[in-house]
PDB file of N, CA and C in Angstrom:
ATOM      1  N   MET A   1       8.724   7.904   3.340  1.00  0.00           N
ATOM      2  CA  MET A   1       7.728   7.605   2.344  1.00  0.00           C
ATOM      3  C   MET A   1       6.678   8.699   2.300  1.00  0.00           C
ATOM      4  N   ALA A   2       6.385   9.307   3.438  1.00  0.00           N
ATOM      5  CA  ALA A   2       5.372  10.353   3.474  1.00  0.00           C
ATOM      6  C   ALA A   2       5.767  11.537   2.605  1.00  0.00           C
ATOM      7  N   GLY A   3       7.069  11.765   2.394  1.00  0.00           N
ATOM      8  CA  GLY A   3       7.512  12.851   1.544  1.00  0.00           C
ATOM      9  C   GLY A   3       7.248  12.586   0.079  1.00  0.00           C
ATOM     10  N   ILE A   4       7.161  11.349  -0.306  1.00  0.00           N
ATOM     11  CA  ILE A   4       6.935  10.957  -1.692  1.00  0.00           C
ATOM     12  C   ILE A   4       5.444  10.894  -1.990  1.00  0.00           C
ATOM     13  N   MET A   5       4.671  10.473  -1.031  1.00  0.00           N
ATOM     14  CA  MET A   5       3.243  10.251  -1.232  1.00  0.00           C
ATOM     15  C   MET A   5       2.427  11.254  -0.420  1.00  0.00           C
ATOM     16  N   GLY A   6       1.276  11.673  -0.967  1.00  0.00           N
ATOM     17  CA  GLY A   6       0.358  12.531  -0.236  1.00  0.00           C
ATOM     18  C   GLY A   6      -0.465  11.708   0.736  1.00  0.00           C
ATOM     19  N   ARG A   7      -1.250  12.368   1.570  1.00  0.00           N
ATOM     20  CA  ARG A   7      -2.076  11.686   2.592  1.00  0.00           C
ATOM     21  C   ARG A   7      -3.049  10.707   1.950  1.00  0.00           C
ATOM     22  N   LYS A   8      -3.708  11.099   0.859  1.00  0.00           N
ATOM     23  CA  LYS A   8      -4.651  10.206   0.187  1.00  0.00           C
ATOM     24  C   LYS A   8      -3.932   8.967  -0.349  1.00  0.00           C
ATOM     25  N   ASP A   9      -2.729   9.163  -0.886  1.00  0.00           N
ATOM     26  CA  ASP A   9      -1.961   8.025  -1.397  1.00  0.00           C
ATOM     27  C   ASP A   9      -1.568   7.079  -0.274  1.00  0.00           C
ATOM     28  N   ILE A  10      -1.214   7.632   0.870  1.00  0.00           N
ATOM     29  CA  ILE A  10      -0.821   6.807   2.010  1.00  0.00           C
ATOM     30  C   ILE A  10      -2.018   6.004   2.510  1.00  0.00           C
ATOM     31  N   VAL A  11      -3.187   6.639   2.571  1.00  0.00           N
ATOM     32  CA  VAL A  11      -4.392   5.929   3.002  1.00  0.00           C
ATOM     33  C   VAL A  11      -4.728   4.820   2.013  1.00  0.00           C
ATOM     34  N   ALA A  12      -4.667   5.111   0.715  1.00  0.00           N
ATOM     35  CA  ALA A  12      -4.940   4.086  -0.300  1.00  0.00           C
ATOM     36  C   ALA A  12      -3.923   2.955  -0.189  1.00  0.00           C
ATOM     37  N   PHE A  13      -2.676   3.316   0.022  1.00  0.00           N
ATOM     38  CA  PHE A  13      -1.619   2.337   0.183  1.00  0.00           C
ATOM     39  C   PHE A  13      -1.887   1.465   1.408  1.00  0.00           C
ATOM     40  N   GLY A  14      -2.295   2.107   2.491  1.00  0.00           N
ATOM     41  CA  GLY A  14      -2.627   1.379   3.717  1.00  0.00           C
ATOM     42  C   GLY A  14      -3.784   0.424   3.494  1.00  0.00           C
ATOM     43  N   LEU A  15      -4.767   0.854   2.736  1.00  0.00           N
ATOM     44  CA  LEU A  15      -5.896  -0.025   2.433  1.00  0.00           C
ATOM     45  C   LEU A  15      -5.442  -1.242   1.640  1.00  0.00           C
ATOM     46  N   CYS A  16      -4.514  -1.039   0.718  1.00  0.00           N
ATOM     47  CA  CYS A  16      -3.988  -2.176  -0.048  1.00  0.00           C
ATOM     48  C   CYS A  16      -3.316  -3.182   0.879  1.00  0.00           C
ATOM     49  N   VAL A  17      -2.546  -2.673   1.816  1.00  0.00           N
ATOM     50  CA  VAL A  17      -1.896  -3.555   2.775  1.00  0.00           C
ATOM     51  C   VAL A  17      -2.945  -4.311   3.585  1.00  0.00           C
ATOM     52  N   LEU A  18      -3.979  -3.618   4.011  1.00  0.00           N
ATOM     53  CA  LEU A  18      -5.034  -4.266   4.780  1.00  0.00           C
ATOM     54  C   LEU A  18      -5.715  -5.362   3.980  1.00  0.00           C
ATOM     55  N   VAL A  19      -5.976  -5.087   2.727  1.00  0.00           N
ATOM     56  CA  VAL A  19      -6.606  -6.090   1.873  1.00  0.00           C
ATOM     57  C   VAL A  19      -5.741  -7.341   1.831  1.00  0.00           C
ATOM     58  N   VAL A  20      -4.470  -7.123   1.641  1.00  0.00           N
ATOM     59  CA  VAL A  20      -3.542  -8.244   1.572  1.00  0.00           C
ATOM     60  C   VAL A  20      -3.511  -9.022   2.874  1.00  0.00           C
ATOM     61  N   MET A  21      -3.402  -8.337   3.977  1.00  0.00           N
ATOM     62  CA  MET A  21      -3.264  -9.015   5.247  1.00  0.00           C
ATOM     63  C   MET A  21      -4.559  -9.681   5.686  1.00  0.00           C
ATOM     64  N   ALA A  22      -5.653  -9.072   5.384  1.00  0.00           N
ATOM     65  CA  ALA A  22      -6.924  -9.697   5.740  1.00  0.00           C
ATOM     66  C   ALA A  22      -7.092 -11.008   4.999  1.00  0.00           C
ATOM     67  N   SER A  23      -6.479 -11.095   3.836  1.00  0.00           N
ATOM     68  CA  SER A  23      -6.576 -12.341   3.072  1.00  0.00           C
ATOM     69  C   SER A  23      -5.955 -13.500   3.838  1.00  0.00           C
ATOM     70  N   LEU A  24      -4.990 -13.212   4.641  1.00  0.00           N
ATOM     71  CA  LEU A  24      -4.330 -14.267   5.401  1.00  0.00           C
ATOM     72  C   LEU A  24      -5.241 -14.862   6.465  1.00  0.00           C
ATOM     73  N   ALA A  25      -6.283 -14.133   6.829  1.00  0.00           N
ATOM     74  CA  ALA A  25      -7.165 -14.593   7.882  1.00  0.00           C
ATOM     75  C   ALA A  25      -8.387 -15.340   7.367  1.00  0.00           C
ATOM     76  N   ALA A  26      -8.566 -15.404   6.074  1.00  0.00           N
ATOM     77  CA  ALA A  26      -9.752 -16.072   5.517  1.00  0.00           C
ATOM     78  C   ALA A  26      -9.528 -17.573   5.427  1.00  0.00           C
ATOM     79  N   GLU A  27     -10.559 -18.335   5.696  1.00  0.00           N
ATOM     80  CA  GLU A  27     -10.443 -19.791   5.591  1.00  0.00           C
ATOM     81  C   GLU A  27     -11.058 -20.325   4.310  1.00  0.00           C
ATOM     82  N   THR A  28     -11.941 -19.561   3.688  1.00  0.00           N
ATOM     83  CA  THR A  28     -12.620 -20.074   2.512  1.00  0.00           C
ATOM     84  C   THR A  28     -12.388 -19.172   1.320  1.00  0.00           C
ATOM     85  N   ASP A  29     -12.497 -19.761   0.138  1.00  0.00           N
ATOM     86  CA  ASP A  29     -12.357 -19.000  -1.088  1.00  0.00           C
ATOM     87  C   ASP A  29     -13.676 -18.348  -1.483  1.00  0.00           C
ATOM     88  N   ALA A  30     -14.751 -18.665  -0.778  1.00  0.00           N
ATOM     89  CA  ALA A  30     -16.065 -18.110  -1.096  1.00  0.00           C
ATOM     90  C   ALA A  30     -16.258 -16.729  -0.480  1.00  0.00           C
ATOM     91  N   ALA A  31     -15.304 -16.257   0.265  1.00  0.00           N
ATOM     92  CA  ALA A  31     -15.420 -14.973   0.934  1.00  0.00           C
ATOM     93  C   ALA A  31     -15.187 -13.828  -0.050  1.00  0.00           C
ATOM     94  N   THR A  32     -15.155 -12.630   0.472  1.00  0.00           N
ATOM     95  CA  THR A  32     -15.049 -11.435  -0.359  1.00  0.00           C
ATOM     96  C   THR A  32     -13.613 -10.968  -0.572  1.00  0.00           C
ATOM     97  N   CYS A  33     -13.398 -10.191  -1.628  1.00  0.00           N
ATOM     98  CA  CYS A  33     -12.102  -9.562  -1.890  1.00  0.00           C
ATOM     99  C   CYS A  33     -12.407  -8.123  -2.285  1.00  0.00           C
ATOM    100  N   ASN A  34     -12.661  -7.289  -1.290  1.00  0.00           N
ATOM    101  CA  ASN A  34     -13.087  -5.923  -1.524  1.00  0.00           C
ATOM    102  C   ASN A  34     -12.192  -4.972  -0.744  1.00  0.00           C
ATOM    103  N   LEU A  35     -11.409  -4.181  -1.460  1.00  0.00           N
ATOM    104  CA  LEU A  35     -10.471  -3.243  -0.858  1.00  0.00           C
ATOM    105  C   LEU A  35     -11.140  -2.309   0.141  1.00  0.00           C
ATOM    106  N   TYR A  36     -12.263  -1.738  -0.209  1.00  0.00           N
ATOM    107  CA  TYR A  36     -12.919  -0.763   0.656  1.00  0.00           C
ATOM    108  C   TYR A  36     -13.551  -1.378   1.899  1.00  0.00           C
ATOM    109  N   SER A  37     -13.802  -2.674   1.880  1.00  0.00           N
ATOM    110  CA  SER A  37     -14.380  -3.309   3.066  1.00  0.00           C
ATOM    111  C   SER A  37     -13.387  -3.340   4.219  1.00  0.00           C
ATOM    112  N   LEU A  38     -12.104  -3.102   3.927  1.00  0.00           N
ATOM    113  CA  LEU A  38     -11.063  -3.157   4.954  1.00  0.00           C
ATOM    114  C   LEU A  38     -10.792  -1.825   5.640  1.00  0.00           C
ATOM    115  N   MET A  39     -11.543  -0.807   5.303  1.00  0.00           N
ATOM    116  CA  MET A  39     -11.357   0.503   5.919  1.00  0.00           C
ATOM    117  C   MET A  39     -11.370   0.434   7.446  1.00  0.00           C
ATOM    118  N   PRO A  40     -12.212  -0.401   8.083  1.00  0.00           N
ATOM    119  CA  PRO A  40     -12.199  -0.453   9.555  1.00  0.00           C
ATOM    120  C   PRO A  40     -10.868  -0.935  10.143  1.00  0.00           C
ATOM    121  N   CYS A  41     -10.000  -1.510   9.335  1.00  0.00           N
ATOM    122  CA  CYS A  41      -8.729  -2.036   9.841  1.00  0.00           C
ATOM    123  C   CYS A  41      -7.567  -1.061   9.720  1.00  0.00           C
ATOM    124  N   LEU A  42      -7.761   0.058   9.080  1.00  0.00           N
ATOM    125  CA  LEU A  42      -6.654   0.975   8.828  1.00  0.00           C
ATOM    126  C   LEU A  42      -5.922   1.375  10.108  1.00  0.00           C
ATOM    127  N   SER A  43      -6.649   1.735  11.155  1.00  0.00           N
ATOM    128  CA  SER A  43      -5.979   2.169  12.389  1.00  0.00           C
ATOM    129  C   SER A  43      -5.263   1.012  13.096  1.00  0.00           C
ATOM    130  N   ALA A  44      -5.587  -0.222  12.725  1.00  0.00           N
ATOM    131  CA  ALA A  44      -4.956  -1.386  13.346  1.00  0.00           C
ATOM    132  C   ALA A  44      -3.624  -1.753  12.693  1.00  0.00           C
ATOM    133  N   VAL A  45      -3.245  -1.060  11.620  1.00  0.00           N
ATOM    134  CA  VAL A  45      -1.967  -1.356  10.974  1.00  0.00           C
ATOM    135  C   VAL A  45      -1.056  -0.140  10.840  1.00  0.00           C
ATOM    136  N   GLU A  46      -1.549   1.036  11.193  1.00  0.00           N
ATOM    137  CA  GLU A  46      -0.756   2.255  11.063  1.00  0.00           C
ATOM    138  C   GLU A  46       0.146   2.488  12.262  1.00  0.00           C
ATOM    139  N   GLY A  47       1.383   2.840  12.007  1.00  0.00           N
ATOM    140  CA  GLY A  47       2.306   3.289  13.035  1.00  0.00           C
ATOM    141  C   GLY A  47       2.954   2.193  13.860  1.00  0.00           C
ATOM    142  N   ALA A  48       3.840   2.632  14.731  1.00  0.00           N
ATOM    143  CA  ALA A  48       4.598   1.708  15.574  1.00  0.00           C
ATOM    144  C   ALA A  48       3.736   1.088  16.672  1.00  0.00           C
ATOM    145  N   HIS A  49       2.673   1.780  17.080  1.00  0.00           N
ATOM    146  CA  HIS A  49       1.790   1.286  18.137  1.00  0.00           C
ATOM    147  C   HIS A  49       0.334   1.434  17.679  1.00  0.00           C
ATOM    148  N   PRO A  50      -0.093   0.576  16.747  1.00  0.00           N
ATOM    149  CA  PRO A  50      -1.454   0.705  16.211  1.00  0.00           C
ATOM    150  C   PRO A  50      -2.509   0.343  17.253  1.00  0.00           C
ATOM    151  N   ARG A  51      -3.724   0.817  17.000  1.00  0.00           N
ATOM    152  CA  ARG A  51      -4.854   0.468  17.855  1.00  0.00           C
ATOM    153  C   ARG A  51      -5.183  -1.009  17.693  1.00  0.00           C
ATOM    154  N   ALA A  52      -5.872  -1.547  18.671  1.00  0.00           N
ATOM    155  CA  ALA A  52      -6.375  -2.924  18.559  1.00  0.00           C
ATOM    156  C   ALA A  52      -7.421  -2.949  17.446  1.00  0.00           C
ATOM    157  N   PRO A  53      -7.526  -4.057  16.717  1.00  0.00           N
ATOM    158  CA  PRO A  53      -8.541  -4.126  15.666  1.00  0.00           C
ATOM    159  C   PRO A  53      -9.944  -4.069  16.261  1.00  0.00           C
ATOM    160  N   SER A  54     -10.811  -3.343  15.594  1.00  0.00           N
ATOM    161  CA  SER A  54     -12.196  -3.231  16.037  1.00  0.00           C
ATOM    162  C   SER A  54     -12.961  -4.501  15.678  1.00  0.00           C
ATOM    163  N   ALA A  55     -14.158  -4.631  16.220  1.00  0.00           N
ATOM    164  CA  ALA A  55     -15.007  -5.781  15.886  1.00  0.00           C
ATOM    165  C   ALA A  55     -15.310  -5.808  14.395  1.00  0.00           C
ATOM    166  N   SER A  56     -15.531  -4.637  13.789  1.00  0.00           N
ATOM    167  CA  SER A  56     -15.822  -4.606  12.354  1.00  0.00           C
ATOM    168  C   SER A  56     -14.588  -4.971  11.533  1.00  0.00           C
ATOM    169  N   CYS A  57     -13.402  -4.608  12.005  1.00  0.00           N
ATOM    170  CA  CYS A  57     -12.171  -5.017  11.330  1.00  0.00           C
ATOM    171  C   CYS A  57     -12.035  -6.530  11.383  1.00  0.00           C
ATOM    172  N   CYS A  58     -12.218  -7.100  12.556  1.00  0.00           N
ATOM    173  CA  CYS A  58     -12.075  -8.556  12.707  1.00  0.00           C
ATOM    174  C   CYS A  58     -13.097  -9.314  11.869  1.00  0.00           C
ATOM    175  N   LYS A  59     -14.271  -8.758  11.729  1.00  0.00           N
ATOM    176  CA  LYS A  59     -15.285  -9.404  10.889  1.00  0.00           C
ATOM    177  C   LYS A  59     -14.772  -9.515   9.453  1.00  0.00           C
ATOM    178  N   VAL A  60     -14.153  -8.448   8.969  1.00  0.00           N
ATOM    179  CA  VAL A  60     -13.590  -8.449   7.625  1.00  0.00           C
ATOM    180  C   VAL A  60     -12.413  -9.430   7.541  1.00  0.00           C
ATOM    181  N   VAL A  61     -11.539  -9.380   8.537  1.00  0.00           N
ATOM    182  CA  VAL A  61     -10.361 -10.256   8.555  1.00  0.00           C
ATOM    183  C   VAL A  61     -10.785 -11.722   8.470  1.00  0.00           C
ATOM    184  N   LYS A  62     -11.913 -12.041   9.061  1.00  0.00           N
ATOM    185  CA  LYS A  62     -12.391 -13.426   9.065  1.00  0.00           C
ATOM    186  C   LYS A  62     -13.082 -13.842   7.774  1.00  0.00           C
ATOM    187  N   THR A  63     -13.398 -12.891   6.876  1.00  0.00           N
ATOM    188  CA  THR A  63     -14.167 -13.253   5.684  1.00  0.00           C
ATOM    189  C   THR A  63     -13.514 -12.935   4.353  1.00  0.00           C
ATOM    190  N   VAL A  64     -12.418 -12.211   4.341  1.00  0.00           N
ATOM    191  CA  VAL A  64     -11.794 -11.829   3.075  1.00  0.00           C
ATOM    192  C   VAL A  64     -11.095 -13.029   2.444  1.00  0.00           C
ATOM    193  N   ASP A  65     -11.182 -13.152   1.131  1.00  0.00           N
ATOM    194  CA  ASP A  65     -10.580 -14.260   0.397  1.00  0.00           C
ATOM    195  C   ASP A  65      -9.051 -14.199   0.462  1.00  0.00           C
ATOM    196  N   LYS A  66      -8.436 -15.211   1.032  1.00  0.00           N
ATOM    197  CA  LYS A  66      -6.985 -15.188   1.228  1.00  0.00           C
ATOM    198  C   LYS A  66      -6.202 -15.274  -0.077  1.00  0.00           C
ATOM    199  N   ASN A  67      -6.662 -16.009  -1.050  1.00  0.00           N
ATOM    200  CA  ASN A  67      -5.915 -16.153  -2.305  1.00  0.00           C
ATOM    201  C   ASN A  67      -5.917 -14.864  -3.114  1.00  0.00           C
ATOM    202  N   CYS A  68      -7.042 -14.196  -3.162  1.00  0.00           N
ATOM    203  CA  CYS A  68      -7.157 -12.919  -3.867  1.00  0.00           C
ATOM    204  C   CYS A  68      -6.188 -11.902  -3.275  1.00  0.00           C
ATOM    205  N   LEU A  69      -6.177 -11.806  -1.967  1.00  0.00           N
ATOM    206  CA  LEU A  69      -5.380 -10.793  -1.317  1.00  0.00           C
ATOM    207  C   LEU A  69      -3.913 -11.169  -1.178  1.00  0.00           C
ATOM    208  N   CYS A  70      -3.641 -12.432  -1.075  1.00  0.00           N
ATOM    209  CA  CYS A  70      -2.250 -12.880  -1.012  1.00  0.00           C
ATOM    210  C   CYS A  70      -1.527 -12.496  -2.305  1.00  0.00           C
ATOM    211  N   ALA A  71      -2.224 -12.609  -3.432  1.00  0.00           N
ATOM    212  CA  ALA A  71      -1.638 -12.219  -4.713  1.00  0.00           C
ATOM    213  C   ALA A  71      -1.251 -10.745  -4.701  1.00  0.00           C
ATOM    214  N   GLN A  72      -2.072  -9.905  -4.088  1.00  0.00           N
ATOM    215  CA  GLN A  72      -1.748  -8.484  -3.991  1.00  0.00           C
ATOM    216  C   GLN A  72      -0.536  -8.254  -3.100  1.00  0.00           C
ATOM    217  N   LEU A  73      -0.452  -8.971  -2.004  1.00  0.00           N
ATOM    218  CA  LEU A  73       0.680  -8.823  -1.096  1.00  0.00           C
ATOM    219  C   LEU A  73       1.986  -9.175  -1.806  1.00  0.00           C
ATOM    220  N   LYS A  74       1.983 -10.265  -2.531  1.00  0.00           N
ATOM    221  CA  LYS A  74       3.195 -10.706  -3.210  1.00  0.00           C
ATOM    222  C   LYS A  74       3.613  -9.764  -4.326  1.00  0.00           C
ATOM    223  N   SER A  75       2.675  -9.019  -4.884  1.00  0.00           N
ATOM    224  CA  SER A  75       3.005  -8.134  -5.994  1.00  0.00           C
ATOM    225  C   SER A  75       3.321  -6.705  -5.560  1.00  0.00           C
ATOM    226  N   GLY A  76       3.116  -6.382  -4.288  1.00  0.00           N
ATOM    227  CA  GLY A  76       3.276  -5.004  -3.843  1.00  0.00           C
ATOM    228  C   GLY A  76       4.550  -4.734  -3.077  1.00  0.00           C
ATOM    229  N   SER A  77       4.797  -3.458  -2.856  1.00  0.00           N
ATOM    230  CA  SER A  77       5.921  -3.002  -2.042  1.00  0.00           C
ATOM    231  C   SER A  77       5.337  -2.134  -0.938  1.00  0.00           C
ATOM    232  N   TYR A  78       5.243  -2.688   0.255  1.00  0.00           N
ATOM    233  CA  TYR A  78       4.562  -2.032   1.360  1.00  0.00           C
ATOM    234  C   TYR A  78       5.545  -1.676   2.467  1.00  0.00           C
ATOM    235  N   PRO A  79       5.265  -0.622   3.238  1.00  0.00           N
ATOM    236  CA  PRO A  79       6.131  -0.275   4.366  1.00  0.00           C
ATOM    237  C   PRO A  79       6.202  -1.457   5.343  1.00  0.00           C
ATOM    238  N   LYS A  80       7.390  -1.748   5.783  1.00  0.00           N
ATOM    239  CA  LYS A  80       7.620  -2.894   6.659  1.00  0.00           C
ATOM    240  C   LYS A  80       6.737  -2.858   7.905  1.00  0.00           C
ATOM    241  N   GLN A  81       6.593  -1.698   8.532  1.00  0.00           N
ATOM    242  CA  GLN A  81       5.804  -1.589   9.765  1.00  0.00           C
ATOM    243  C   GLN A  81       4.349  -1.960   9.515  1.00  0.00           C
ATOM    244  N   MET A  82       3.779  -1.501   8.407  1.00  0.00           N
ATOM    245  CA  MET A  82       2.381  -1.818   8.106  1.00  0.00           C
ATOM    246  C   MET A  82       2.212  -3.312   7.847  1.00  0.00           C
ATOM    247  N   VAL A  83       3.147  -3.902   7.140  1.00  0.00           N
ATOM    248  CA  VAL A  83       3.071  -5.337   6.852  1.00  0.00           C
ATOM    249  C   VAL A  83       3.153  -6.124   8.154  1.00  0.00           C
ATOM    250  N   GLU A  84       4.091  -5.766   9.010  1.00  0.00           N
ATOM    251  CA  GLU A  84       4.234  -6.468  10.292  1.00  0.00           C
ATOM    252  C   GLU A  84       2.967  -6.336  11.136  1.00  0.00           C
ATOM    253  N   ASN A  85       2.404  -5.149  11.185  1.00  0.00           N
ATOM    254  CA  ASN A  85       1.170  -4.937  11.943  1.00  0.00           C
ATOM    255  C   ASN A  85       0.022  -5.745  11.344  1.00  0.00           C
ATOM    256  N   ALA A  86      -0.077  -5.737  10.046  1.00  0.00           N
ATOM    257  CA  ALA A  86      -1.163  -6.449   9.364  1.00  0.00           C
ATOM    258  C   ALA A  86      -1.039  -7.960   9.524  1.00  0.00           C
ATOM    259  N   LEU A  87       0.174  -8.474   9.556  1.00  0.00           N
ATOM    260  CA  LEU A  87       0.368  -9.908   9.758  1.00  0.00           C
ATOM    261  C   LEU A  87      -0.136 -10.372  11.121  1.00  0.00           C
ATOM    262  N   LEU A  88      -0.236  -9.457  12.060  1.00  0.00           N
ATOM    263  CA  LEU A  88      -0.722  -9.795  13.397  1.00  0.00           C
ATOM    264  C   LEU A  88      -2.253  -9.804  13.493  1.00  0.00           C
ATOM    265  N   LEU A  89      -2.936  -9.247  12.501  1.00  0.00           N
ATOM    266  CA  LEU A  89      -4.391  -9.156  12.572  1.00  0.00           C
ATOM    267  C   LEU A  89      -5.101 -10.497  12.725  1.00  0.00           C
ATOM    268  N   PRO A  90      -4.722 -11.537  11.978  1.00  0.00           N
ATOM    269  CA  PRO A  90      -5.426 -12.812  12.175  1.00  0.00           C
ATOM    270  C   PRO A  90      -5.387 -13.287  13.622  1.00  0.00           C
ATOM    271  N   LYS A  91      -4.229 -13.227  14.246  1.00  0.00           N
ATOM    272  CA  LYS A  91      -4.110 -13.659  15.639  1.00  0.00           C
ATOM    273  C   LYS A  91      -4.905 -12.744  16.563  1.00  0.00           C
ATOM    274  N   LYS A  92      -4.800 -11.436  16.360  1.00  0.00           N
ATOM    275  CA  LYS A  92      -5.527 -10.486  17.193  1.00  0.00           C
ATOM    276  C   LYS A  92      -7.034 -10.638  17.049  1.00  0.00           C
ATOM    277  N   CYS A  93      -7.468 -11.129  15.903  1.00  0.00           N
ATOM    278  CA  CYS A  93      -8.900 -11.313  15.650  1.00  0.00           C
ATOM    279  C   CYS A  93      -9.370 -12.735  15.954  1.00  0.00           C
ATOM    280  N   GLY A  94      -8.507 -13.521  16.576  1.00  0.00           N
ATOM    281  CA  GLY A  94      -8.904 -14.867  16.985  1.00  0.00           C
ATOM    282  C   GLY A  94      -8.750 -15.936  15.927  1.00  0.00           C
ATOM    283  N   ARG A  95      -7.990 -15.679  14.895  1.00  0.00           N
ATOM    284  CA  ARG A  95      -7.784 -16.664  13.836  1.00  0.00           C
ATOM    285  C   ARG A  95      -6.404 -17.313  13.977  1.00  0.00           C
ATOM    286  N   THR A  96      -6.107 -17.841  15.134  1.00  0.00           N
ATOM    287  CA  THR A  96      -4.792 -18.419  15.407  1.00  0.00           C
ATOM    288  C   THR A  96      -4.546 -19.702  14.634  1.00  0.00           C
ATOM    289  N   ASN A  97      -5.589 -20.295  14.067  1.00  0.00           N
ATOM    290  CA  ASN A  97      -5.386 -21.505  13.281  1.00  0.00           C
ATOM    291  C   ASN A  97      -4.633 -21.221  11.982  1.00  0.00           C
ATOM    292  N   LEU A  98      -4.394 -19.964  11.665  1.00  0.00           N
ATOM    293  CA  LEU A  98      -3.618 -19.620  10.479  1.00  0.00           C
ATOM    294  C   LEU A  98      -2.160 -19.321  10.812  1.00  0.00           C
ATOM    295  N   ALA A  99      -1.764 -19.521  12.049  1.00  0.00           N
ATOM    296  CA  ALA A  99      -0.375 -19.284  12.439  1.00  0.00           C
ATOM    297  C   ALA A  99       0.536 -20.124  11.558  1.00  0.00           C
ATOM    298  N   GLY A 100       1.517 -19.458  10.964  1.00  0.00           N
ATOM    299  CA  GLY A 100       2.454 -20.135  10.085  1.00  0.00           C
ATOM    300  C   GLY A 100       2.047 -20.117   8.620  1.00  0.00           C
ATOM    301  N   PHE A 101       0.845 -19.592   8.301  1.00  0.00           N
ATOM    302  CA  PHE A 101       0.408 -19.504   6.898  1.00  0.00           C
ATOM    303  C   PHE A 101       1.389 -18.640   6.123  1.00  0.00           C
ATOM    304  N   ARG A 102       1.838 -19.151   4.967  1.00  0.00           N
ATOM    305  CA  ARG A 102       2.797 -18.421   4.147  1.00  0.00           C
ATOM    306  C   ARG A 102       2.131 -17.823   2.920  1.00  0.00           C
ATOM    307  N   CYS A 103       2.537 -16.591   2.630  1.00  0.00           N
ATOM    308  CA  CYS A 103       2.104 -15.890   1.420  1.00  0.00           C
ATOM    309  C   CYS A 103       3.355 -15.257   0.848  1.00  0.00           C
ATOM    310  N   GLY A 104       3.963 -15.905  -0.108  1.00  0.00           N
ATOM    311  CA  GLY A 104       5.225 -15.411  -0.649  1.00  0.00           C
ATOM    312  C   GLY A 104       6.270 -15.382   0.453  1.00  0.00           C
ATOM    313  N   ALA A 105       6.891 -14.216   0.646  1.00  0.00           N
ATOM    314  CA  ALA A 105       7.930 -14.062   1.665  1.00  0.00           C
ATOM    315  C   ALA A 105       7.358 -13.788   3.046  1.00  0.00           C
ATOM    316  N   TYR A 106       6.042 -13.665   3.160  1.00  0.00           N
ATOM    317  CA  TYR A 106       5.404 -13.327   4.434  1.00  0.00           C
ATOM    318  C   TYR A 106       4.812 -14.547   5.103  1.00  0.00           C
ATOM    319  N   THR A 107       4.849 -14.546   6.439  1.00  0.00           N
ATOM    320  CA  THR A 107       4.280 -15.632   7.228  1.00  0.00           C
ATOM    321  C   THR A 107       3.501 -15.046   8.384  1.00  0.00           C
ATOM    322  N   VAL A 108       2.304 -15.576   8.615  1.00  0.00           N
ATOM    323  CA  VAL A 108       1.510 -15.149   9.766  1.00  0.00           C
ATOM    324  C   VAL A 108       2.214 -15.677  11.012  1.00  0.00           C
ATOM    325  N   PRO A 109       2.518 -14.802  11.984  1.00  0.00           N
ATOM    326  CA  PRO A 109       3.200 -15.248  13.197  1.00  0.00           C
ATOM    327  C   PRO A 109       2.364 -16.202  14.046  1.00  0.00           C
ATOM    328  N   HIS A 110       3.066 -16.989  14.851  1.00  0.00           N
ATOM    329  CA  HIS A 110       2.410 -17.933  15.781  1.00  0.00           C
ATOM    330  C   HIS A 110       1.926 -17.201  16.995  1.00  0.00           C
TER     331      HIS A 110
END
């Protein structure tokens, strides 16, 4: 995929994935749906061995509107590794009560 997309495109793509996955961690619809607010989570979803999510990433994961972002996840085509990493963010950020939450073909792991 890196051969098709430039670095800026990959970062933007990664942010889209983060937006989608952070939506899975939100409990309320009153929260935010802001793509750029997820920048702190980028390193937590990149690569085969991503970094642990930072406190600022987890703060976003806990407040992003799940319905807004779930719609983006269902409409996009994201690299499998990034999606798998992002699906783990709710649990890594202490939102285990969302284990099993479904968004289209994706499910937050237990």
